[in-house]
Amino acid sequence: MVLRKLVMVHTMGRRRLRAISPVIAAVVLIGVAIAGALLLGYYMTTSIKSSSPKGAAIAVSGVELYYLGKYKVGYSYKYHYMVSVKIANSGSNSATVTEIKIIGPDRNDKWGDRYTLNPNNQILPGETYSDTWNFYLSYQDIQPGKTYVVKITYTDPYGSTKSVSVNVMCQRGVG
C-alpha cells in the first residue's frame, strides 16, 4: 500500500506544468527592481543623515591677551590683564560657551591654570560672538612675551561638552 502511494505521487510529478506568461514575469521583475531601488535609496539617505555631524562646532578666529600694568592697592600690587576672544559657531545647533581658561607658565615657569572666566553665553548656528574681559591677579603669573593656551569649553543641546584650544602670546598693552 505504501509503495502504491509513492508511485502515485511520483507519477503526479511528471504531469506537465504550465509556464508563467513572459509579460507577467517581466512585470514581476520590474516590480522587484523598483522595490530594491527604493529600499537602497532609503538606506542611503538614512545612513547619510545619521553620519552628518550634529551639535555645535565652534571655531576661534581671534584671541588676544594683554598685560596692562600693575597698580598699588594698599601695601600690595594688583596686576591688570585683558583677554579678548572671537568665536564663530559653524555647527548645526547652538553652543553655550561655559568656560575660558588661560593655561601656561607662571613667573617661575611652572605650568598650570592662570585664570578662568565663566561667560555662559549662547552662540546660535552661523553667529559670531566676541567679547573682552579685564581681570586682576595678585601676582604677575601671566608674563608678557610668553605663550599661553586659551582653552574655550562649550556645550551643545545634546549634552556634549567640547573644547577648543588656541596658543596666544601675552603682549604688553596700555592700561
N, C-alpha and C. Protein backbone atom coordinates (compact mmCIF):
# COMPACT_ATOMS: atom_id res chain seq x y z
N MET A 1 0.81 -1.18 0.00
CA MET A 1 0.00 0.00 0.00
C MET A 1 0.86 1.26 0.00
N VAL A 2 1.89 1.29 0.81
CA VAL A 2 2.78 2.45 0.87
C VAL A 2 3.48 2.61 -0.46
N LEU A 3 3.86 1.50 -1.07
CA LEU A 3 4.54 1.56 -2.35
C LEU A 3 3.61 2.12 -3.44
N ARG A 4 2.39 1.76 -3.37
CA ARG A 4 1.44 2.25 -4.35
C ARG A 4 1.27 3.77 -4.25
N LYS A 5 1.22 4.32 -3.02
CA LYS A 5 1.10 5.76 -2.82
C LYS A 5 2.33 6.48 -3.33
N LEU A 6 3.52 5.92 -3.11
CA LEU A 6 4.74 6.53 -3.60
C LEU A 6 4.76 6.59 -5.12
N VAL A 7 4.28 5.54 -5.77
CA VAL A 7 4.23 5.51 -7.22
C VAL A 7 3.27 6.56 -7.73
N MET A 8 2.16 6.76 -7.06
CA MET A 8 1.17 7.75 -7.48
C MET A 8 1.73 9.16 -7.34
N VAL A 9 2.40 9.42 -6.25
CA VAL A 9 2.99 10.74 -6.04
C VAL A 9 4.05 11.00 -7.08
N HIS A 10 4.84 9.97 -7.38
CA HIS A 10 5.91 10.13 -8.36
C HIS A 10 5.34 10.40 -9.76
N THR A 11 4.31 9.73 -10.11
CA THR A 11 3.74 9.94 -11.44
C THR A 11 3.03 11.27 -11.53
N MET A 12 2.52 11.80 -10.43
CA MET A 12 1.87 13.10 -10.44
C MET A 12 2.89 14.20 -10.70
N GLY A 13 4.12 13.99 -10.28
CA GLY A 13 5.17 14.97 -10.50
C GLY A 13 5.53 15.09 -11.95
N ARG A 14 5.20 14.09 -12.75
CA ARG A 14 5.53 14.14 -14.17
C ARG A 14 4.49 14.88 -15.00
N ARG A 15 3.43 15.28 -14.38
CA ARG A 15 2.42 16.00 -15.13
C ARG A 15 3.02 17.28 -15.68
N ARG A 16 2.50 17.69 -16.74
CA ARG A 16 3.03 18.86 -17.41
C ARG A 16 2.57 20.13 -16.68
N LEU A 17 3.54 20.96 -16.28
CA LEU A 17 3.24 22.23 -15.62
C LEU A 17 3.12 23.32 -16.67
N ARG A 18 2.29 24.27 -16.35
CA ARG A 18 2.11 25.38 -17.28
C ARG A 18 3.07 26.49 -16.91
N ALA A 19 3.68 27.13 -17.86
CA ALA A 19 4.67 28.20 -17.64
C ALA A 19 3.97 29.53 -17.36
N ILE A 20 4.73 30.42 -16.70
CA ILE A 20 4.22 31.78 -16.42
C ILE A 20 4.37 32.59 -17.70
N SER A 21 3.42 33.43 -17.92
CA SER A 21 3.46 34.28 -19.10
C SER A 21 4.69 35.18 -19.06
N PRO A 22 5.39 35.41 -20.15
CA PRO A 22 6.56 36.29 -20.16
C PRO A 22 6.22 37.72 -19.77
N VAL A 23 5.05 38.18 -20.06
CA VAL A 23 4.64 39.54 -19.69
C VAL A 23 4.53 39.66 -18.17
N ILE A 24 3.92 38.66 -17.54
CA ILE A 24 3.79 38.67 -16.08
C ILE A 24 5.16 38.57 -15.43
N ALA A 25 6.02 37.75 -15.97
CA ALA A 25 7.37 37.62 -15.43
C ALA A 25 8.12 38.94 -15.53
N ALA A 26 7.97 39.65 -16.64
CA ALA A 26 8.65 40.94 -16.81
C ALA A 26 8.12 41.96 -15.81
N VAL A 27 6.81 41.99 -15.60
CA VAL A 27 6.19 42.92 -14.64
C VAL A 27 6.70 42.63 -13.22
N VAL A 28 6.76 41.35 -12.87
CA VAL A 28 7.25 40.97 -11.54
C VAL A 28 8.71 41.39 -11.36
N LEU A 29 9.55 41.15 -12.37
CA LEU A 29 10.96 41.54 -12.28
C LEU A 29 11.12 43.05 -12.17
N ILE A 30 10.35 43.81 -12.92
CA ILE A 30 10.41 45.28 -12.83
C ILE A 30 9.97 45.74 -11.44
N GLY A 31 8.92 45.12 -10.90
CA GLY A 31 8.46 45.47 -9.55
C GLY A 31 9.52 45.19 -8.49
N VAL A 32 10.19 44.05 -8.61
CA VAL A 32 11.26 43.71 -7.65
C VAL A 32 12.41 44.70 -7.78
N ALA A 33 12.76 45.10 -9.01
CA ALA A 33 13.85 46.06 -9.21
C ALA A 33 13.50 47.41 -8.62
N ILE A 34 12.26 47.88 -8.81
CA ILE A 34 11.84 49.17 -8.25
C ILE A 34 11.85 49.10 -6.73
N ALA A 35 11.33 48.03 -6.14
CA ALA A 35 11.32 47.89 -4.68
C ALA A 35 12.74 47.88 -4.14
N GLY A 36 13.66 47.20 -4.83
CA GLY A 36 15.06 47.18 -4.40
C GLY A 36 15.70 48.55 -4.47
N ALA A 37 15.40 49.29 -5.53
CA ALA A 37 15.95 50.64 -5.68
C ALA A 37 15.42 51.56 -4.59
N LEU A 38 14.14 51.47 -4.28
CA LEU A 38 13.56 52.29 -3.20
C LEU A 38 14.18 51.94 -1.86
N LEU A 39 14.36 50.67 -1.60
CA LEU A 39 14.97 50.23 -0.35
C LEU A 39 16.41 50.71 -0.23
N LEU A 40 17.16 50.63 -1.31
CA LEU A 40 18.54 51.11 -1.32
C LEU A 40 18.59 52.63 -1.12
N GLY A 41 17.68 53.36 -1.78
CA GLY A 41 17.62 54.82 -1.61
C GLY A 41 17.31 55.20 -0.17
N TYR A 42 16.36 54.51 0.45
CA TYR A 42 16.03 54.78 1.85
C TYR A 42 17.22 54.51 2.75
N TYR A 43 17.91 53.42 2.52
CA TYR A 43 19.09 53.07 3.32
C TYR A 43 20.17 54.14 3.19
N MET A 44 20.41 54.60 1.97
CA MET A 44 21.46 55.60 1.75
C MET A 44 21.12 56.92 2.42
N THR A 45 19.88 57.39 2.30
CA THR A 45 19.53 58.67 2.91
C THR A 45 19.57 58.60 4.43
N THR A 46 19.13 57.51 5.02
CA THR A 46 19.19 57.42 6.48
C THR A 46 20.63 57.29 6.96
N SER A 47 21.48 56.61 6.22
CA SER A 47 22.87 56.49 6.66
C SER A 47 23.60 57.82 6.51
N ILE A 48 23.29 58.59 5.48
CA ILE A 48 23.91 59.91 5.32
C ILE A 48 23.44 60.86 6.41
N LYS A 49 22.14 60.83 6.72
CA LYS A 49 21.62 61.70 7.77
C LYS A 49 22.23 61.35 9.12
N SER A 50 22.40 60.08 9.40
CA SER A 50 22.94 59.68 10.70
C SER A 50 24.43 59.97 10.80
N SER A 51 25.14 60.04 9.68
CA SER A 51 26.57 60.31 9.75
C SER A 51 26.90 61.79 9.70
N SER A 52 25.92 62.64 9.36
CA SER A 52 26.20 64.08 9.34
C SER A 52 26.36 64.58 10.77
N PRO A 53 27.28 65.54 10.98
CA PRO A 53 27.56 65.98 12.35
C PRO A 53 26.37 66.69 12.97
N LYS A 54 26.12 66.36 14.22
CA LYS A 54 25.06 67.01 14.98
C LYS A 54 25.72 67.81 16.09
N GLY A 55 25.03 68.81 16.53
CA GLY A 55 25.55 69.59 17.64
C GLY A 55 26.22 70.86 17.17
N ALA A 56 26.97 71.43 18.08
CA ALA A 56 27.66 72.69 17.83
C ALA A 56 29.11 72.44 17.49
N ALA A 57 29.67 73.32 16.71
CA ALA A 57 31.10 73.26 16.38
C ALA A 57 31.59 74.70 16.31
N ILE A 58 32.46 75.07 17.22
CA ILE A 58 32.93 76.45 17.22
C ILE A 58 34.33 76.53 16.63
N ALA A 59 34.59 77.68 16.06
CA ALA A 59 35.92 77.99 15.53
C ALA A 59 36.36 79.31 16.14
N VAL A 60 37.57 79.34 16.64
CA VAL A 60 38.10 80.54 17.27
C VAL A 60 38.91 81.28 16.22
N SER A 61 38.50 82.51 15.94
CA SER A 61 39.20 83.26 14.90
C SER A 61 40.12 84.34 15.46
N GLY A 62 40.02 84.62 16.73
CA GLY A 62 40.91 85.63 17.29
C GLY A 62 40.93 85.61 18.80
N VAL A 63 42.13 85.51 19.35
CA VAL A 63 42.31 85.60 20.80
C VAL A 63 43.49 86.52 21.05
N GLU A 64 43.29 87.48 21.95
CA GLU A 64 44.37 88.40 22.32
C GLU A 64 44.47 88.44 23.83
N LEU A 65 45.70 88.49 24.33
CA LEU A 65 45.97 88.53 25.76
C LEU A 65 46.96 89.66 26.02
N TYR A 66 46.59 90.59 26.91
CA TYR A 66 47.43 91.75 27.19
C TYR A 66 47.69 91.89 28.68
N TYR A 67 48.92 92.26 28.99
CA TYR A 67 49.28 92.71 30.34
C TYR A 67 49.22 94.22 30.30
N LEU A 68 48.38 94.82 31.16
CA LEU A 68 48.15 96.26 31.12
C LEU A 68 48.89 97.03 32.21
N GLY A 69 49.55 96.34 33.13
CA GLY A 69 50.34 97.04 34.14
C GLY A 69 49.96 96.65 35.55
N LYS A 70 50.71 97.21 36.51
CA LYS A 70 50.42 96.89 37.91
C LYS A 70 49.95 98.16 38.62
N TYR A 71 49.13 97.94 39.62
CA TYR A 71 48.54 99.03 40.37
C TYR A 71 48.70 98.75 41.85
N LYS A 72 49.09 99.77 42.58
CA LYS A 72 49.28 99.61 44.02
C LYS A 72 47.93 99.73 44.71
N VAL A 73 47.65 98.73 45.51
CA VAL A 73 46.42 98.70 46.29
C VAL A 73 46.84 98.47 47.74
N GLY A 74 46.84 99.52 48.52
CA GLY A 74 47.31 99.41 49.91
C GLY A 74 48.79 99.13 49.92
N TYR A 75 49.17 98.01 50.54
CA TYR A 75 50.58 97.63 50.62
C TYR A 75 50.98 96.59 49.55
N SER A 76 50.05 96.24 48.69
CA SER A 76 50.35 95.23 47.67
C SER A 76 50.02 95.77 46.28
N TYR A 77 50.31 94.94 45.30
CA TYR A 77 50.04 95.31 43.90
C TYR A 77 49.00 94.38 43.30
N LYS A 78 48.24 94.91 42.36
CA LYS A 78 47.33 94.12 41.54
C LYS A 78 47.82 94.24 40.11
N TYR A 79 47.87 93.10 39.41
CA TYR A 79 48.33 93.07 38.02
C TYR A 79 47.12 92.98 37.10
N HIS A 80 47.05 93.94 36.19
CA HIS A 80 45.88 94.12 35.34
C HIS A 80 46.09 93.46 33.98
N TYR A 81 45.12 92.62 33.56
CA TYR A 81 45.19 91.91 32.29
C TYR A 81 43.89 92.10 31.51
N MET A 82 43.98 91.82 30.22
CA MET A 82 42.80 91.86 29.37
C MET A 82 42.89 90.70 28.37
N VAL A 83 41.79 89.99 28.19
CA VAL A 83 41.71 88.93 27.19
C VAL A 83 40.48 89.19 26.33
N SER A 84 40.65 89.01 25.03
CA SER A 84 39.51 89.14 24.12
C SER A 84 39.47 87.92 23.21
N VAL A 85 38.25 87.48 22.89
CA VAL A 85 38.06 86.30 22.04
C VAL A 85 37.01 86.61 20.99
N LYS A 86 37.14 85.92 19.86
CA LYS A 86 36.14 85.97 18.79
C LYS A 86 35.88 84.53 18.38
N ILE A 87 34.62 84.11 18.53
CA ILE A 87 34.24 82.71 18.34
C ILE A 87 33.08 82.66 17.34
N ALA A 88 33.17 81.75 16.37
CA ALA A 88 32.09 81.53 15.40
C ALA A 88 31.54 80.12 15.57
N ASN A 89 30.23 79.98 15.51
CA ASN A 89 29.58 78.67 15.60
C ASN A 89 29.27 78.19 14.19
N SER A 90 29.99 77.18 13.73
CA SER A 90 29.77 76.63 12.39
C SER A 90 28.97 75.33 12.44
N GLY A 91 28.44 74.98 13.58
CA GLY A 91 27.67 73.75 13.72
C GLY A 91 26.21 73.94 13.36
N SER A 92 25.45 72.88 13.54
CA SER A 92 24.02 72.91 13.19
C SER A 92 23.15 73.23 14.39
N ASN A 93 23.73 73.33 15.58
CA ASN A 93 22.98 73.67 16.79
C ASN A 93 23.69 74.77 17.56
N SER A 94 23.00 75.31 18.54
CA SER A 94 23.59 76.38 19.34
C SER A 94 24.70 75.83 20.24
N ALA A 95 25.60 76.73 20.61
CA ALA A 95 26.69 76.38 21.53
C ALA A 95 26.64 77.35 22.70
N THR A 96 26.90 76.85 23.89
CA THR A 96 26.99 77.71 25.06
C THR A 96 28.42 77.66 25.58
N VAL A 97 29.10 78.80 25.50
CA VAL A 97 30.47 78.89 25.98
C VAL A 97 30.41 78.95 27.50
N THR A 98 30.92 77.91 28.15
CA THR A 98 30.82 77.80 29.60
C THR A 98 32.09 78.24 30.33
N GLU A 99 33.24 78.14 29.65
CA GLU A 99 34.49 78.44 30.36
C GLU A 99 35.57 78.87 29.36
N ILE A 100 36.32 79.88 29.77
CA ILE A 100 37.51 80.30 29.04
C ILE A 100 38.64 80.28 30.05
N LYS A 101 39.62 79.42 29.79
CA LYS A 101 40.69 79.20 30.76
C LYS A 101 42.03 79.59 30.13
N ILE A 102 42.84 80.31 30.89
CA ILE A 102 44.19 80.66 30.45
C ILE A 102 45.16 79.74 31.19
N ILE A 103 45.94 78.99 30.42
CA ILE A 103 46.84 77.99 30.97
C ILE A 103 48.25 78.31 30.47
N GLY A 104 49.22 78.24 31.36
CA GLY A 104 50.59 78.49 30.93
C GLY A 104 51.55 78.64 32.09
N PRO A 105 52.75 79.14 31.80
CA PRO A 105 53.77 79.26 32.85
C PRO A 105 53.53 80.47 33.74
N ASP A 106 53.87 80.32 35.02
CA ASP A 106 53.82 81.48 35.92
C ASP A 106 55.19 82.16 35.93
N ARG A 107 55.40 83.03 36.89
CA ARG A 107 56.68 83.77 36.96
C ARG A 107 57.86 82.86 37.24
N ASN A 108 57.61 81.63 37.73
CA ASN A 108 58.68 80.66 37.99
C ASN A 108 58.71 79.55 36.93
N ASP A 109 58.04 79.76 35.81
CA ASP A 109 57.94 78.81 34.69
C ASP A 109 57.26 77.49 35.06
N LYS A 110 56.38 77.53 36.05
CA LYS A 110 55.59 76.36 36.42
C LYS A 110 54.25 76.45 35.70
N TRP A 111 53.90 75.39 34.93
CA TRP A 111 52.68 75.40 34.14
C TRP A 111 51.47 75.08 35.00
N GLY A 112 50.36 75.73 34.66
CA GLY A 112 49.10 75.48 35.35
C GLY A 112 48.04 76.45 34.89
N ASP A 113 46.88 76.37 35.53
CA ASP A 113 45.78 77.29 35.22
C ASP A 113 46.11 78.65 35.82
N ARG A 114 46.01 79.68 35.01
CA ARG A 114 46.32 81.04 35.48
C ARG A 114 45.07 81.84 35.78
N TYR A 115 44.02 81.67 34.96
CA TYR A 115 42.79 82.40 35.19
C TYR A 115 41.65 81.70 34.46
N THR A 116 40.44 81.75 35.03
CA THR A 116 39.27 81.12 34.43
C THR A 116 38.12 82.10 34.39
N LEU A 117 37.50 82.21 33.23
CA LEU A 117 36.29 83.02 33.05
C LEU A 117 35.11 82.08 32.82
N ASN A 118 33.94 82.47 33.27
CA ASN A 118 32.72 81.67 33.07
C ASN A 118 31.65 82.54 32.40
N PRO A 119 31.74 82.74 31.09
CA PRO A 119 30.81 83.66 30.43
C PRO A 119 29.38 83.15 30.27
N ASN A 120 29.19 81.84 30.06
CA ASN A 120 27.86 81.24 29.83
C ASN A 120 27.05 82.00 28.78
N ASN A 121 27.66 82.23 27.63
CA ASN A 121 26.99 82.90 26.52
C ASN A 121 26.64 81.90 25.44
N GLN A 122 25.42 82.05 24.92
CA GLN A 122 24.96 81.15 23.87
C GLN A 122 25.25 81.75 22.50
N ILE A 123 25.74 80.90 21.58
CA ILE A 123 26.01 81.32 20.21
C ILE A 123 25.15 80.44 19.30
N LEU A 124 24.30 81.06 18.53
CA LEU A 124 23.43 80.33 17.61
C LEU A 124 24.21 79.89 16.38
N PRO A 125 23.71 78.90 15.64
CA PRO A 125 24.40 78.44 14.43
C PRO A 125 24.59 79.59 13.43
N GLY A 126 25.81 79.72 12.93
CA GLY A 126 26.12 80.76 11.96
C GLY A 126 26.46 82.11 12.55
N GLU A 127 26.34 82.26 13.87
CA GLU A 127 26.63 83.54 14.50
C GLU A 127 28.06 83.58 15.03
N THR A 128 28.53 84.80 15.26
CA THR A 128 29.86 85.03 15.82
C THR A 128 29.70 85.79 17.12
N TYR A 129 30.50 85.42 18.10
CA TYR A 129 30.47 86.04 19.41
C TYR A 129 31.87 86.57 19.72
N SER A 130 31.93 87.81 20.17
CA SER A 130 33.22 88.35 20.60
C SER A 130 33.00 89.18 21.85
N ASP A 131 34.00 89.13 22.72
CA ASP A 131 33.91 89.87 23.98
C ASP A 131 35.32 90.10 24.53
N THR A 132 35.41 91.03 25.44
CA THR A 132 36.68 91.37 26.09
C THR A 132 36.45 91.42 27.59
N TRP A 133 37.39 90.83 28.35
CA TRP A 133 37.30 90.84 29.80
C TRP A 133 38.58 91.42 30.38
N ASN A 134 38.42 92.23 31.42
CA ASN A 134 39.54 92.73 32.21
C ASN A 134 39.55 91.96 33.52
N PHE A 135 40.74 91.59 33.97
CA PHE A 135 40.84 90.89 35.24
C PHE A 135 42.15 91.26 35.92
N TYR A 136 42.19 91.03 37.23
CA TYR A 136 43.35 91.36 38.04
C TYR A 136 43.84 90.11 38.75
N LEU A 137 45.15 90.00 38.89
CA LEU A 137 45.77 88.92 39.64
C LEU A 137 46.65 89.51 40.73
N SER A 138 46.81 88.77 41.82
CA SER A 138 47.66 89.23 42.92
C SER A 138 49.14 89.11 42.59
N TYR A 139 49.48 88.21 41.68
CA TYR A 139 50.87 88.01 41.27
C TYR A 139 50.95 88.16 39.76
N GLN A 140 52.12 88.46 39.27
CA GLN A 140 52.29 88.59 37.82
C GLN A 140 52.55 87.20 37.24
N ASP A 141 51.49 86.38 37.28
CA ASP A 141 51.59 85.00 36.82
C ASP A 141 51.45 84.87 35.31
N ILE A 142 51.04 85.91 34.65
CA ILE A 142 50.98 85.92 33.19
C ILE A 142 51.99 86.97 32.74
N GLN A 143 53.02 86.49 32.04
CA GLN A 143 54.16 87.35 31.68
C GLN A 143 54.07 87.79 30.22
N PRO A 144 54.32 89.06 29.95
CA PRO A 144 54.40 89.50 28.54
C PRO A 144 55.55 88.78 27.83
N GLY A 145 55.31 88.40 26.59
CA GLY A 145 56.33 87.71 25.80
C GLY A 145 56.27 86.20 25.90
N LYS A 146 55.50 85.65 26.82
CA LYS A 146 55.37 84.20 26.95
C LYS A 146 54.07 83.74 26.29
N THR A 147 54.08 82.51 25.82
CA THR A 147 52.92 81.95 25.12
C THR A 147 52.05 81.17 26.11
N TYR A 148 50.74 81.39 25.99
CA TYR A 148 49.76 80.74 26.85
C TYR A 148 48.72 80.02 26.00
N VAL A 149 48.07 79.04 26.60
CA VAL A 149 46.99 78.31 25.95
C VAL A 149 45.67 78.89 26.48
N VAL A 150 44.82 79.30 25.55
CA VAL A 150 43.49 79.73 25.92
C VAL A 150 42.54 78.61 25.50
N LYS A 151 41.94 77.98 26.49
CA LYS A 151 41.06 76.84 26.26
C LYS A 151 39.61 77.29 26.43
N ILE A 152 38.82 77.11 25.37
CA ILE A 152 37.42 77.53 25.38
C ILE A 152 36.57 76.26 25.43
N THR A 153 35.77 76.12 26.48
CA THR A 153 34.92 74.95 26.68
C THR A 153 33.48 75.36 26.40
N TYR A 154 32.77 74.49 25.66
CA TYR A 154 31.38 74.79 25.32
C TYR A 154 30.55 73.52 25.34
N THR A 155 29.23 73.70 25.43
CA THR A 155 28.28 72.59 25.40
C THR A 155 27.29 72.83 24.27
N ASP A 156 26.63 71.74 23.85
CA ASP A 156 25.58 71.86 22.84
C ASP A 156 24.29 71.26 23.41
N PRO A 157 23.17 71.40 22.70
CA PRO A 157 21.89 70.90 23.23
C PRO A 157 21.85 69.39 23.47
N TYR A 158 22.77 68.62 22.89
CA TYR A 158 22.79 67.18 23.08
C TYR A 158 23.54 66.78 24.35
N GLY A 159 24.04 67.77 25.09
CA GLY A 159 24.75 67.49 26.33
C GLY A 159 26.22 67.22 26.16
N SER A 160 26.73 67.38 24.96
CA SER A 160 28.16 67.16 24.71
C SER A 160 28.95 68.37 25.20
N THR A 161 30.07 68.08 25.85
CA THR A 161 30.99 69.13 26.27
C THR A 161 32.25 69.00 25.42
N LYS A 162 32.60 70.07 24.74
CA LYS A 162 33.75 70.07 23.85
C LYS A 162 34.64 71.26 24.19
N SER A 163 35.86 71.23 23.68
CA SER A 163 36.75 72.37 23.92
C SER A 163 37.65 72.60 22.71
N VAL A 164 38.06 73.85 22.59
CA VAL A 164 38.98 74.28 21.54
C VAL A 164 40.09 75.05 22.24
N SER A 165 41.34 74.77 21.88
CA SER A 165 42.49 75.44 22.49
C SER A 165 43.24 76.25 21.44
N VAL A 166 43.69 77.43 21.84
CA VAL A 166 44.44 78.31 20.96
C VAL A 166 45.65 78.81 21.72
N ASN A 167 46.83 78.81 21.07
CA ASN A 167 48.02 79.39 21.66
C ASN A 167 48.06 80.88 21.36
N VAL A 168 48.39 81.67 22.38
CA VAL A 168 48.45 83.11 22.22
C VAL A 168 49.61 83.66 23.05
N MET A 169 50.31 84.64 22.51
CA MET A 169 51.41 85.27 23.23
C MET A 169 50.86 86.48 23.99
N CYS A 170 51.20 86.59 25.25
CA CYS A 170 50.81 87.74 26.05
C CYS A 170 51.63 88.96 25.58
N GLN A 171 50.93 90.02 25.32
CA GLN A 171 51.60 91.24 24.86
C GLN A 171 51.43 92.35 25.90
N ARG A 172 52.34 93.26 25.85
CA ARG A 172 52.25 94.40 26.76
C ARG A 172 51.32 95.42 26.12
N GLY A 173 50.33 95.81 26.87
CA GLY A 173 49.35 96.79 26.38
C GLY A 173 49.40 98.04 27.23
N VAL A 174 48.56 98.98 26.89
CA VAL A 174 48.46 100.23 27.64
C VAL A 174 47.17 100.18 28.42
N GLY A 175 47.26 100.29 29.73
CA GLY A 175 46.06 100.21 30.56
C GLY A 175 45.71 101.47 31.25
